[in-house]
Amino acid sequence: MQIIVEQAARCEVRAHDGVEIHHRSFDRQPRADFALTVPKESHPPTTERPGSAWHGLSPWSGSLGKCVFDCVCVLLSMPVCVPLMLVIAAMVRLTSRGPVVFRQERMGRGGRTFTIFKFRTMEHLLDAKHHPVTTSNNQRFTPIGPLLRRWKLDELPQVVNVLLGDISLVGPRPKLPEHTISDLPCRPGITGMATAVFANEEALLDCVPKECLNEYYGSLVLPLKQQLDAGYMARATLLSDLQLIIRTVLRRGESSAPEGMSSASTVETRDERNLLKEFKQDNMSSISGYEPLSSIGGVAEF
């Protein structure tokens, strides 16, 4: 099946051995087509739990100092975070029905599950479930949901998870059990290398045909995220964590060009640059809000 996405609105479908998604941008200056290829025969992420991507942690990633750093940062941010959280909680309550805080089971270090806290950004459904893979247009968002997700404000309640020791400020994002392809050797985080690279992944996933979304996400996106996070955690330091936190707060990377994915400003090691280059050549030429996919729009979080 081949999808030609024009202005993220017009598409053409035809039978093929595999699934290819070609994105063409029609800005002022024409660009070349970009292809995303999903193998016809692939396995869902729940059938295997390989751990080969994790080659070890840096001394900082598993240290007590990192735990202390997380707690100190959270406590110092409370004078700003608490009033902001109260305002957001009131907005969520006034604009939609349902609980203010959304709770969900996620996978933590060593395969241990924990309850993650987030401000609710989707309509509260009693008899139905939201799609486990979120795109820009496959969920029923609340009136302020897209704004909260774009600026990561829905993640603020996770400071409680940090103080409880469930997660760190920087680390791999905690996954749903059905999206876990290997147990984490470290605490998950609010932000991380894969989070920074895939800043606007929901816009990318919105280009994937609905019937292929789960397979594409499990076969291509999740393994790449794991390799990015594993590479970062193997060399993480206090300084690099600070840089990622600042990048997340400032939302850096959303307006970068495709070439920015392989630059030192986005991916800081040669191995990660080569990984992204190979992935783009084989599967996709633009991801997570980088041009030309930024013309699609959308909100970001995972």
C-alpha atoms as a PDB file:
ATOM      1  CA  MET A   1       0.000   0.000   0.000  1.00  0.00           C
ATOM      2  CA  GLN A   2       1.441   3.369  -0.929  1.00  0.00           C
ATOM      3  CA  ILE A   3       0.271   6.628   0.519  1.00  0.00           C
ATOM      4  CA  ILE A   4       1.241   9.913  -1.126  1.00  0.00           C
ATOM      5  CA  VAL A   5       0.565  12.665   1.385  1.00  0.00           C
ATOM      6  CA  GLU A   6       0.053  16.038  -0.228  1.00  0.00           C
ATOM      7  CA  GLN A   7      -0.309  18.954   2.169  1.00  0.00           C
ATOM      8  CA  ALA A   8      -1.207  16.267   4.753  1.00  0.00           C
ATOM      9  CA  ALA A   9      -4.657  16.129   3.207  1.00  0.00           C
ATOM     10  CA  ARG A  10      -4.754  14.342  -0.183  1.00  0.00           C
ATOM     11  CA  CYS A  11      -3.693  10.734  -0.509  1.00  0.00           C
ATOM     12  CA  GLU A  12      -3.596   7.927  -3.056  1.00  0.00           C
ATOM     13  CA  VAL A  13      -3.603   4.224  -2.178  1.00  0.00           C
ATOM     14  CA  ARG A  14      -2.491   1.275  -4.272  1.00  0.00           C
ATOM     15  CA  ALA A  15      -1.549  -2.332  -3.517  1.00  0.00           C
ATOM     16  CA  HIS A  16       2.097  -3.221  -2.927  1.00  0.00           C
ATOM     17  CA  ASP A  17       4.110  -5.969  -1.227  1.00  0.00           C
ATOM     18  CA  GLY A  18       4.981  -3.774   1.739  1.00  0.00           C
ATOM     19  CA  VAL A  19       3.755  -0.471   3.102  1.00  0.00           C
ATOM     20  CA  GLU A  20       5.396   2.741   1.970  1.00  0.00           C
ATOM     21  CA  ILE A  21       4.400   6.214   3.065  1.00  0.00           C
ATOM     22  CA  HIS A  22       5.757   9.007   0.901  1.00  0.00           C
ATOM     23  CA  HIS A  23       5.543  12.554   2.167  1.00  0.00           C
ATOM     24  CA  ARG A  24       5.812  15.414  -0.288  1.00  0.00           C
ATOM     25  CA  SER A  25       6.016  18.997   0.874  1.00  0.00           C
ATOM     26  CA  PHE A  26       4.556  21.753  -1.301  1.00  0.00           C
ATOM     27  CA  ASP A  27       6.039  24.821   0.309  1.00  0.00           C
ATOM     28  CA  ARG A  28       7.391  27.731  -1.688  1.00  0.00           C
ATOM     29  CA  GLN A  29      10.417  25.702  -2.704  1.00  0.00           C
ATOM     30  CA  PRO A  30       9.725  22.087  -3.760  1.00  0.00           C
ATOM     31  CA  ARG A  31      11.505  19.314  -1.873  1.00  0.00           C
ATOM     32  CA  ALA A  32      12.174  15.710  -2.699  1.00  0.00           C
ATOM     33  CA  ASP A  33       9.786  12.960  -1.625  1.00  0.00           C
ATOM     34  CA  PHE A  34      10.475  11.143   1.616  1.00  0.00           C
ATOM     35  CA  ALA A  35       9.638   7.481   2.151  1.00  0.00           C
ATOM     36  CA  LEU A  36       8.666   5.567   5.259  1.00  0.00           C
ATOM     37  CA  THR A  37       8.796   1.798   4.798  1.00  0.00           C
ATOM     38  CA  VAL A  38       7.119  -0.732   7.054  1.00  0.00           C
ATOM     39  CA  PRO A  39       8.114  -4.363   6.474  1.00  0.00           C
ATOM     40  CA  LYS A  40       5.184  -6.557   5.520  1.00  0.00           C
ATOM     41  CA  GLU A  41       6.181  -9.230   8.017  1.00  0.00           C
ATOM     42  CA  SER A  42       7.103  -7.866  11.403  1.00  0.00           C
ATOM     43  CA  HIS A  43       6.285  -8.731  14.958  1.00  0.00           C
ATOM     44  CA  PRO A  44       4.447  -6.656  17.568  1.00  0.00           C
ATOM     45  CA  PRO A  45       6.637  -5.370  20.370  1.00  0.00           C
ATOM     46  CA  THR A  46       4.943  -7.545  22.973  1.00  0.00           C
ATOM     47  CA  THR A  47       6.190 -10.816  21.510  1.00  0.00           C
ATOM     48  CA  GLU A  48       9.868 -10.123  22.159  1.00  0.00           C
ATOM     49  CA  ARG A  49      11.708  -8.298  24.881  1.00  0.00           C
ATOM     50  CA  PRO A  50      15.285  -8.008  23.640  1.00  0.00           C
ATOM     51  CA  GLY A  51      17.741  -6.151  25.818  1.00  0.00           C
ATOM     52  CA  SER A  52      20.646  -5.927  23.383  1.00  0.00           C
ATOM     53  CA  ALA A  53      20.274  -2.159  22.979  1.00  0.00           C
ATOM     54  CA  TRP A  54      21.286  -1.607  26.614  1.00  0.00           C
ATOM     55  CA  HIS A  55      25.067  -1.927  26.857  1.00  0.00           C
ATOM     56  CA  GLY A  56      25.388  -0.483  30.336  1.00  0.00           C
ATOM     57  CA  LEU A  57      24.888   2.765  32.203  1.00  0.00           C
ATOM     58  CA  SER A  58      27.231   5.635  32.850  1.00  0.00           C
ATOM     59  CA  PRO A  59      28.316   6.150  36.472  1.00  0.00           C
ATOM     60  CA  TRP A  60      25.962   9.125  36.655  1.00  0.00           C
ATOM     61  CA  SER A  61      22.892   7.309  35.298  1.00  0.00           C
ATOM     62  CA  GLY A  62      22.767   4.836  38.179  1.00  0.00           C
ATOM     63  CA  SER A  63      24.169   7.014  40.945  1.00  0.00           C
ATOM     64  CA  LEU A  64      22.656   8.272  44.152  1.00  0.00           C
ATOM     65  CA  GLY A  65      23.777  11.739  43.074  1.00  0.00           C
ATOM     66  CA  LYS A  66      21.294  11.653  40.206  1.00  0.00           C
ATOM     67  CA  CYS A  67      18.461  10.868  42.634  1.00  0.00           C
ATOM     68  CA  VAL A  68      19.521  13.754  44.866  1.00  0.00           C
ATOM     69  CA  PHE A  69      19.784  16.048  41.837  1.00  0.00           C
ATOM     70  CA  ASP A  70      16.249  15.136  40.756  1.00  0.00           C
ATOM     71  CA  CYS A  71      14.737  15.815  44.172  1.00  0.00           C
ATOM     72  CA  VAL A  72      16.614  19.083  44.653  1.00  0.00           C
ATOM     73  CA  CYS A  73      15.501  20.348  41.234  1.00  0.00           C
ATOM     74  CA  VAL A  74      11.875  19.448  41.960  1.00  0.00           C
ATOM     75  CA  LEU A  75      11.894  21.101  45.386  1.00  0.00           C
ATOM     76  CA  LEU A  76      13.523  24.269  44.031  1.00  0.00           C
ATOM     77  CA  SER A  77      10.906  24.466  41.275  1.00  0.00           C
ATOM     78  CA  MET A  78       7.944  24.183  43.648  1.00  0.00           C
ATOM     79  CA  PRO A  79       7.372  27.965  44.043  1.00  0.00           C
ATOM     80  CA  VAL A  80       6.759  28.091  40.304  1.00  0.00           C
ATOM     81  CA  CYS A  81       5.249  24.653  39.703  1.00  0.00           C
ATOM     82  CA  VAL A  82       2.623  24.648  42.467  1.00  0.00           C
ATOM     83  CA  PRO A  83       0.784  27.854  41.402  1.00  0.00           C
ATOM     84  CA  LEU A  84       1.011  26.811  37.758  1.00  0.00           C
ATOM     85  CA  MET A  85      -0.385  23.367  38.548  1.00  0.00           C
ATOM     86  CA  LEU A  86      -3.286  24.907  40.462  1.00  0.00           C
ATOM     87  CA  VAL A  87      -4.172  27.115  37.495  1.00  0.00           C
ATOM     88  CA  ILE A  88      -3.962  24.186  35.064  1.00  0.00           C
ATOM     89  CA  ALA A  89      -6.048  21.985  37.370  1.00  0.00           C
ATOM     90  CA  ALA A  90      -8.773  24.655  37.467  1.00  0.00           C
ATOM     91  CA  MET A  91      -8.700  24.967  33.659  1.00  0.00           C
ATOM     92  CA  VAL A  92      -9.012  21.208  33.200  1.00  0.00           C
ATOM     93  CA  ARG A  93     -11.910  21.070  35.638  1.00  0.00           C
ATOM     94  CA  LEU A  94     -13.782  23.984  34.052  1.00  0.00           C
ATOM     95  CA  THR A  95     -13.366  22.937  30.413  1.00  0.00           C
ATOM     96  CA  SER A  96     -14.262  19.243  30.534  1.00  0.00           C
ATOM     97  CA  ARG A  97     -15.900  16.543  32.600  1.00  0.00           C
ATOM     98  CA  GLY A  98     -13.904  13.906  34.395  1.00  0.00           C
ATOM     99  CA  PRO A  99     -10.949  13.749  36.783  1.00  0.00           C
ATOM    100  CA  VAL A 100      -8.317  16.473  36.683  1.00  0.00           C
ATOM    101  CA  VAL A 101      -5.425  14.040  37.019  1.00  0.00           C
ATOM    102  CA  PHE A 102      -5.054  11.082  34.679  1.00  0.00           C
ATOM    103  CA  ARG A 103      -3.512   7.925  36.153  1.00  0.00           C
ATOM    104  CA  GLN A 104      -2.039   5.075  34.163  1.00  0.00           C
ATOM    105  CA  GLU A 105       0.128   2.017  34.755  1.00  0.00           C
ATOM    106  CA  ARG A 106       3.585   2.328  33.169  1.00  0.00           C
ATOM    107  CA  MET A 107       6.711   0.193  33.168  1.00  0.00           C
ATOM    108  CA  GLY A 108       9.578   1.309  35.397  1.00  0.00           C
ATOM    109  CA  ARG A 109      13.052   0.034  36.165  1.00  0.00           C
ATOM    110  CA  GLY A 110      13.503  -3.728  36.037  1.00  0.00           C
ATOM    111  CA  GLY A 111      10.001  -4.398  34.704  1.00  0.00           C
ATOM    112  CA  ARG A 112       8.314  -2.958  37.792  1.00  0.00           C
ATOM    113  CA  THR A 113       5.005  -1.198  37.159  1.00  0.00           C
ATOM    114  CA  PHE A 114       4.019   2.091  38.759  1.00  0.00           C
ATOM    115  CA  THR A 115       1.219   4.645  38.448  1.00  0.00           C
ATOM    116  CA  ILE A 116       2.096   7.732  36.445  1.00  0.00           C
ATOM    117  CA  PHE A 117       0.299  11.057  37.012  1.00  0.00           C
ATOM    118  CA  LYS A 118      -0.594  13.530  34.273  1.00  0.00           C
ATOM    119  CA  PHE A 119      -3.114  16.292  33.738  1.00  0.00           C
ATOM    120  CA  ARG A 120      -5.954  14.875  31.669  1.00  0.00           C
ATOM    121  CA  THR A 121      -5.831  16.108  28.053  1.00  0.00           C
ATOM    122  CA  MET A 122      -8.454  13.798  26.509  1.00  0.00           C
ATOM    123  CA  GLU A 123     -12.165  13.430  27.059  1.00  0.00           C
ATOM    124  CA  HIS A 124     -13.067  11.091  29.885  1.00  0.00           C
ATOM    125  CA  LEU A 125     -14.563   7.929  28.363  1.00  0.00           C
ATOM    126  CA  LEU A 126     -16.451   5.508  30.589  1.00  0.00           C
ATOM    127  CA  ASP A 127     -17.276   2.790  28.051  1.00  0.00           C
ATOM    128  CA  ALA A 128     -14.453   3.160  25.521  1.00  0.00           C
ATOM    129  CA  LYS A 129     -10.683   3.277  25.408  1.00  0.00           C
ATOM    130  CA  HIS A 130      -8.389   5.723  23.684  1.00  0.00           C
ATOM    131  CA  HIS A 131      -6.020   4.430  21.017  1.00  0.00           C
ATOM    132  CA  PRO A 132      -2.724   3.355  22.665  1.00  0.00           C
ATOM    133  CA  VAL A 133      -0.702   5.174  19.969  1.00  0.00           C
ATOM    134  CA  THR A 134      -1.571   8.857  19.890  1.00  0.00           C
ATOM    135  CA  THR A 135      -1.483  10.919  16.709  1.00  0.00           C
ATOM    136  CA  SER A 136      -2.570  14.487  16.062  1.00  0.00           C
ATOM    137  CA  ASN A 137      -6.075  13.458  14.991  1.00  0.00           C
ATOM    138  CA  ASN A 138      -6.957  10.040  16.407  1.00  0.00           C
ATOM    139  CA  GLN A 139      -7.966  11.146  19.908  1.00  0.00           C
ATOM    140  CA  ARG A 140     -10.742  13.244  21.396  1.00  0.00           C
ATOM    141  CA  PHE A 141      -8.804  16.015  23.107  1.00  0.00           C
ATOM    142  CA  THR A 142     -10.214  18.448  25.643  1.00  0.00           C
ATOM    143  CA  PRO A 143     -10.360  22.148  24.684  1.00  0.00           C
ATOM    144  CA  ILE A 144      -7.029  22.852  26.393  1.00  0.00           C
ATOM    145  CA  GLY A 145      -5.531  19.406  25.801  1.00  0.00           C
ATOM    146  CA  PRO A 146      -3.465  20.272  22.704  1.00  0.00           C
ATOM    147  CA  LEU A 147      -1.986  23.321  24.421  1.00  0.00           C
ATOM    148  CA  LEU A 148      -0.983  21.336  27.497  1.00  0.00           C
ATOM    149  CA  ARG A 149       0.529  18.560  25.400  1.00  0.00           C
ATOM    150  CA  ARG A 150       2.444  20.917  23.126  1.00  0.00           C
ATOM    151  CA  TRP A 151       4.203  22.603  26.046  1.00  0.00           C
ATOM    152  CA  LYS A 152       4.476  19.441  28.177  1.00  0.00           C
ATOM    153  CA  LEU A 153       2.410  21.077  30.903  1.00  0.00           C
ATOM    154  CA  ASP A 154       0.380  17.893  31.313  1.00  0.00           C
ATOM    155  CA  GLU A 155       3.573  16.250  32.610  1.00  0.00           C
ATOM    156  CA  LEU A 156       3.870  18.554  35.641  1.00  0.00           C
ATOM    157  CA  PRO A 157       2.145  16.150  38.090  1.00  0.00           C
ATOM    158  CA  GLN A 158       4.997  13.736  37.449  1.00  0.00           C
ATOM    159  CA  VAL A 159       7.106  15.744  39.893  1.00  0.00           C
ATOM    160  CA  VAL A 160       5.246  13.596  42.437  1.00  0.00           C
ATOM    161  CA  ASN A 161       6.569  10.483  40.675  1.00  0.00           C
ATOM    162  CA  VAL A 162      10.069  11.934  40.883  1.00  0.00           C
ATOM    163  CA  LEU A 163       9.781  12.494  44.632  1.00  0.00           C
ATOM    164  CA  LEU A 164       8.387   8.959  45.053  1.00  0.00           C
ATOM    165  CA  GLY A 165      11.422   7.569  43.218  1.00  0.00           C
ATOM    166  CA  ASP A 166       9.408   6.112  40.345  1.00  0.00           C
ATOM    167  CA  ILE A 167      11.057   8.210  37.654  1.00  0.00           C
ATOM    168  CA  SER A 168      13.924  10.628  37.107  1.00  0.00           C
ATOM    169  CA  LEU A 169      13.936  14.008  35.407  1.00  0.00           C
ATOM    170  CA  VAL A 170      15.982  12.566  32.521  1.00  0.00           C
ATOM    171  CA  GLY A 171      15.688   9.020  31.231  1.00  0.00           C
ATOM    172  CA  PRO A 172      13.740   6.863  28.775  1.00  0.00           C
ATOM    173  CA  ARG A 173      10.045   7.626  28.779  1.00  0.00           C
ATOM    174  CA  PRO A 174       8.056   4.997  30.734  1.00  0.00           C
ATOM    175  CA  LYS A 175       6.085   2.883  28.289  1.00  0.00           C
ATOM    176  CA  LEU A 176       2.758   1.145  28.442  1.00  0.00           C
ATOM    177  CA  PRO A 177       3.168  -2.588  29.152  1.00  0.00           C
ATOM    178  CA  GLU A 178       2.119  -3.444  25.586  1.00  0.00           C
ATOM    179  CA  HIS A 179       4.764  -1.064  24.191  1.00  0.00           C
ATOM    180  CA  THR A 180       7.644  -2.400  26.279  1.00  0.00           C
ATOM    181  CA  ILE A 181      10.286  -4.181  24.211  1.00  0.00           C
ATOM    182  CA  SER A 182      12.873  -4.576  27.000  1.00  0.00           C
ATOM    183  CA  ASP A 183      13.131  -3.990  30.729  1.00  0.00           C
ATOM    184  CA  LEU A 184      14.780  -0.721  31.713  1.00  0.00           C
ATOM    185  CA  PRO A 185      18.038  -0.956  33.691  1.00  0.00           C
ATOM    186  CA  CYS A 186      17.471   2.572  34.995  1.00  0.00           C
ATOM    187  CA  ARG A 187      14.632   4.741  36.164  1.00  0.00           C
ATOM    188  CA  PRO A 188      12.522   6.172  33.334  1.00  0.00           C
ATOM    189  CA  GLY A 189      12.352   9.930  32.965  1.00  0.00           C
ATOM    190  CA  ILE A 190      10.129  12.896  32.217  1.00  0.00           C
ATOM    191  CA  THR A 191      12.354  13.764  29.267  1.00  0.00           C
ATOM    192  CA  GLY A 192      15.248  12.071  27.471  1.00  0.00           C
ATOM    193  CA  MET A 193      17.175  11.791  24.234  1.00  0.00           C
ATOM    194  CA  ALA A 194      14.381  10.026  22.325  1.00  0.00           C
ATOM    195  CA  THR A 195      11.876  12.535  23.696  1.00  0.00           C
ATOM    196  CA  ALA A 196      13.975  15.401  22.346  1.00  0.00           C
ATOM    197  CA  VAL A 197      14.485  13.807  18.927  1.00  0.00           C
ATOM    198  CA  PHE A 198      10.826  12.792  18.584  1.00  0.00           C
ATOM    199  CA  ALA A 199       9.528  16.125  19.857  1.00  0.00           C
ATOM    200  CA  ASN A 200       6.582  16.177  17.409  1.00  0.00           C
ATOM    201  CA  GLU A 201       6.118  12.488  16.704  1.00  0.00           C
ATOM    202  CA  GLU A 202       2.327  12.737  16.730  1.00  0.00           C
ATOM    203  CA  ALA A 203       2.457  14.730  13.485  1.00  0.00           C
ATOM    204  CA  LEU A 204       4.588  12.011  11.885  1.00  0.00           C
ATOM    205  CA  LEU A 205       2.338   9.203  13.097  1.00  0.00           C
ATOM    206  CA  ASP A 206      -0.678  11.039  11.729  1.00  0.00           C
ATOM    207  CA  CYS A 207       0.706  10.303   8.221  1.00  0.00           C
ATOM    208  CA  VAL A 208       0.703   6.559   8.827  1.00  0.00           C
ATOM    209  CA  PRO A 209      -2.412   4.689   7.621  1.00  0.00           C
ATOM    210  CA  LYS A 210      -4.659   3.768  10.512  1.00  0.00           C
ATOM    211  CA  GLU A 211      -4.464   0.046   9.781  1.00  0.00           C
ATOM    212  CA  CYS A 212      -0.638   0.150   9.847  1.00  0.00           C
ATOM    213  CA  LEU A 213      -0.156   2.419  12.856  1.00  0.00           C
ATOM    214  CA  ASN A 214       0.447  -0.205  15.551  1.00  0.00           C
ATOM    215  CA  GLU A 215       2.812  -2.243  13.376  1.00  0.00           C
ATOM    216  CA  TYR A 216       4.754   0.827  12.258  1.00  0.00           C
ATOM    217  CA  TYR A 217       5.098   2.133  15.788  1.00  0.00           C
ATOM    218  CA  GLY A 218       6.150  -1.197  17.248  1.00  0.00           C
ATOM    219  CA  SER A 219       8.476  -2.237  14.421  1.00  0.00           C
ATOM    220  CA  LEU A 220      10.284   1.027  13.737  1.00  0.00           C
ATOM    221  CA  VAL A 221       9.674   3.835  16.218  1.00  0.00           C
ATOM    222  CA  LEU A 222      10.000   1.932  19.488  1.00  0.00           C
ATOM    223  CA  PRO A 223      13.313   0.204  18.567  1.00  0.00           C
ATOM    224  CA  LEU A 224      14.822   3.503  17.425  1.00  0.00           C
ATOM    225  CA  LYS A 225      13.730   5.232  20.610  1.00  0.00           C
ATOM    226  CA  GLN A 226      15.263   2.466  22.689  1.00  0.00           C
ATOM    227  CA  GLN A 227      18.603   2.716  20.883  1.00  0.00           C
ATOM    228  CA  LEU A 228      18.694   6.496  21.271  1.00  0.00           C
ATOM    229  CA  ASP A 229      17.927   6.296  24.983  1.00  0.00           C
ATOM    230  CA  ALA A 230      20.366   3.423  25.543  1.00  0.00           C
ATOM    231  CA  GLY A 231      23.162   5.326  23.814  1.00  0.00           C
ATOM    232  CA  TYR A 232      22.494   8.429  25.866  1.00  0.00           C
ATOM    233  CA  MET A 233      22.198   6.699  29.246  1.00  0.00           C
ATOM    234  CA  ALA A 234      25.509   4.897  28.612  1.00  0.00           C
ATOM    235  CA  ARG A 235      27.328   8.237  28.601  1.00  0.00           C
ATOM    236  CA  ALA A 236      25.001  10.596  30.519  1.00  0.00           C
ATOM    237  CA  THR A 237      26.478  13.155  32.906  1.00  0.00           C
ATOM    238  CA  LEU A 238      25.124  15.884  35.135  1.00  0.00           C
ATOM    239  CA  LEU A 239      25.875  18.456  32.431  1.00  0.00           C
ATOM    240  CA  SER A 240      24.163  16.488  29.665  1.00  0.00           C
ATOM    241  CA  ASP A 241      21.071  16.025  31.843  1.00  0.00           C
ATOM    242  CA  LEU A 242      20.925  19.766  32.437  1.00  0.00           C
ATOM    243  CA  GLN A 243      21.191  20.392  28.704  1.00  0.00           C
ATOM    244  CA  LEU A 244      18.313  18.011  27.945  1.00  0.00           C
ATOM    245  CA  ILE A 245      16.126  19.577  30.628  1.00  0.00           C
ATOM    246  CA  ILE A 246      16.750  23.056  29.230  1.00  0.00           C
ATOM    247  CA  ARG A 247      16.103  21.847  25.687  1.00  0.00           C
ATOM    248  CA  THR A 248      12.801  20.319  26.760  1.00  0.00           C
ATOM    249  CA  VAL A 249      11.665  23.455  28.604  1.00  0.00           C
ATOM    250  CA  LEU A 250      12.567  25.704  25.672  1.00  0.00           C
ATOM    251  CA  ARG A 251      11.035  23.260  23.160  1.00  0.00           C
ATOM    252  CA  ARG A 252      14.182  23.311  21.044  1.00  0.00           C
ATOM    253  CA  GLY A 253      14.182  21.168  17.916  1.00  0.00           C
ATOM    254  CA  GLU A 254      10.617  21.699  16.699  1.00  0.00           C
ATOM    255  CA  SER A 255      11.620  24.149  13.972  1.00  0.00           C
ATOM    256  CA  SER A 256      14.859  22.489  12.949  1.00  0.00           C
ATOM    257  CA  ALA A 257      15.488  21.238   9.426  1.00  0.00           C
ATOM    258  CA  PRO A 258      15.780  17.509   8.680  1.00  0.00           C
ATOM    259  CA  GLU A 259      19.540  17.797   8.660  1.00  0.00           C
ATOM    260  CA  GLY A 260      19.328  18.956  12.252  1.00  0.00           C
ATOM    261  CA  MET A 261      18.491  15.434  13.299  1.00  0.00           C
ATOM    262  CA  SER A 262      22.045  14.366  12.594  1.00  0.00           C
ATOM    263  CA  SER A 263      23.745  17.430  13.979  1.00  0.00           C
ATOM    264  CA  ALA A 264      25.499  17.708  17.302  1.00  0.00           C
ATOM    265  CA  SER A 265      22.776  20.028  18.591  1.00  0.00           C
ATOM    266  CA  THR A 266      20.216  17.224  18.444  1.00  0.00           C
ATOM    267  CA  VAL A 267      22.196  14.000  18.730  1.00  0.00           C
ATOM    268  CA  GLU A 268      25.505  14.314  20.468  1.00  0.00           C
ATOM    269  CA  THR A 269      27.476  11.216  19.449  1.00  0.00           C
ATOM    270  CA  ARG A 270      28.628   9.800  16.143  1.00  0.00           C
ATOM    271  CA  ASP A 271      26.910   6.483  16.835  1.00  0.00           C
ATOM    272  CA  GLU A 272      23.560   8.199  17.320  1.00  0.00           C
ATOM    273  CA  ARG A 273      24.059  10.348  14.226  1.00  0.00           C
ATOM    274  CA  ASN A 274      24.827   7.234  12.168  1.00  0.00           C
ATOM    275  CA  LEU A 275      21.811   5.455  13.677  1.00  0.00           C
ATOM    276  CA  LEU A 276      19.471   8.242  12.669  1.00  0.00           C
ATOM    277  CA  LYS A 277      21.050   8.530   9.221  1.00  0.00           C
ATOM    278  CA  GLU A 278      20.579   4.807   8.590  1.00  0.00           C
ATOM    279  CA  PHE A 279      17.026   4.888   9.917  1.00  0.00           C
ATOM    280  CA  LYS A 280      16.114   7.831   7.696  1.00  0.00           C
ATOM    281  CA  GLN A 281      17.589   6.192   4.614  1.00  0.00           C
ATOM    282  CA  ASP A 282      15.788   2.888   5.200  1.00  0.00           C
ATOM    283  CA  ASN A 283      12.523   3.990   6.719  1.00  0.00           C
ATOM    284  CA  MET A 284      11.820   7.682   7.019  1.00  0.00           C
ATOM    285  CA  SER A 285      13.359  10.919   5.928  1.00  0.00           C
ATOM    286  CA  SER A 286      11.840  13.274   8.458  1.00  0.00           C
ATOM    287  CA  ILE A 287      10.545  12.751  11.963  1.00  0.00           C
ATOM    288  CA  SER A 288       9.256  14.500  15.017  1.00  0.00           C
ATOM    289  CA  GLY A 289       8.440  17.987  13.846  1.00  0.00           C
ATOM    290  CA  TYR A 290      11.459  18.569  11.627  1.00  0.00           C
ATOM    291  CA  GLU A 291      10.808  20.000   8.158  1.00  0.00           C
ATOM    292  CA  PRO A 292       9.074  19.017   5.976  1.00  0.00           C
ATOM    293  CA  LEU A 293       6.779  17.290   8.473  1.00  0.00           C
ATOM    294  CA  SER A 294       6.467  20.473  10.508  1.00  0.00           C
ATOM    295  CA  SER A 295       4.112  21.711   7.793  1.00  0.00           C
ATOM    296  CA  ILE A 296       1.653  19.081   8.970  1.00  0.00           C
ATOM    297  CA  GLY A 297       1.312  20.571  12.418  1.00  0.00           C
ATOM    298  CA  GLY A 298       0.192  18.705  15.497  1.00  0.00           C
ATOM    299  CA  VAL A 299       0.972  18.385  19.146  1.00  0.00           C
ATOM    300  CA  ALA A 300       3.724  16.524  20.906  1.00  0.00           C
ATOM    301  CA  GLU A 301       4.035  14.143  23.745  1.00  0.00           C
ATOM    302  CA  PHE A 302       4.677  10.525  24.386  1.00  0.00           C
END
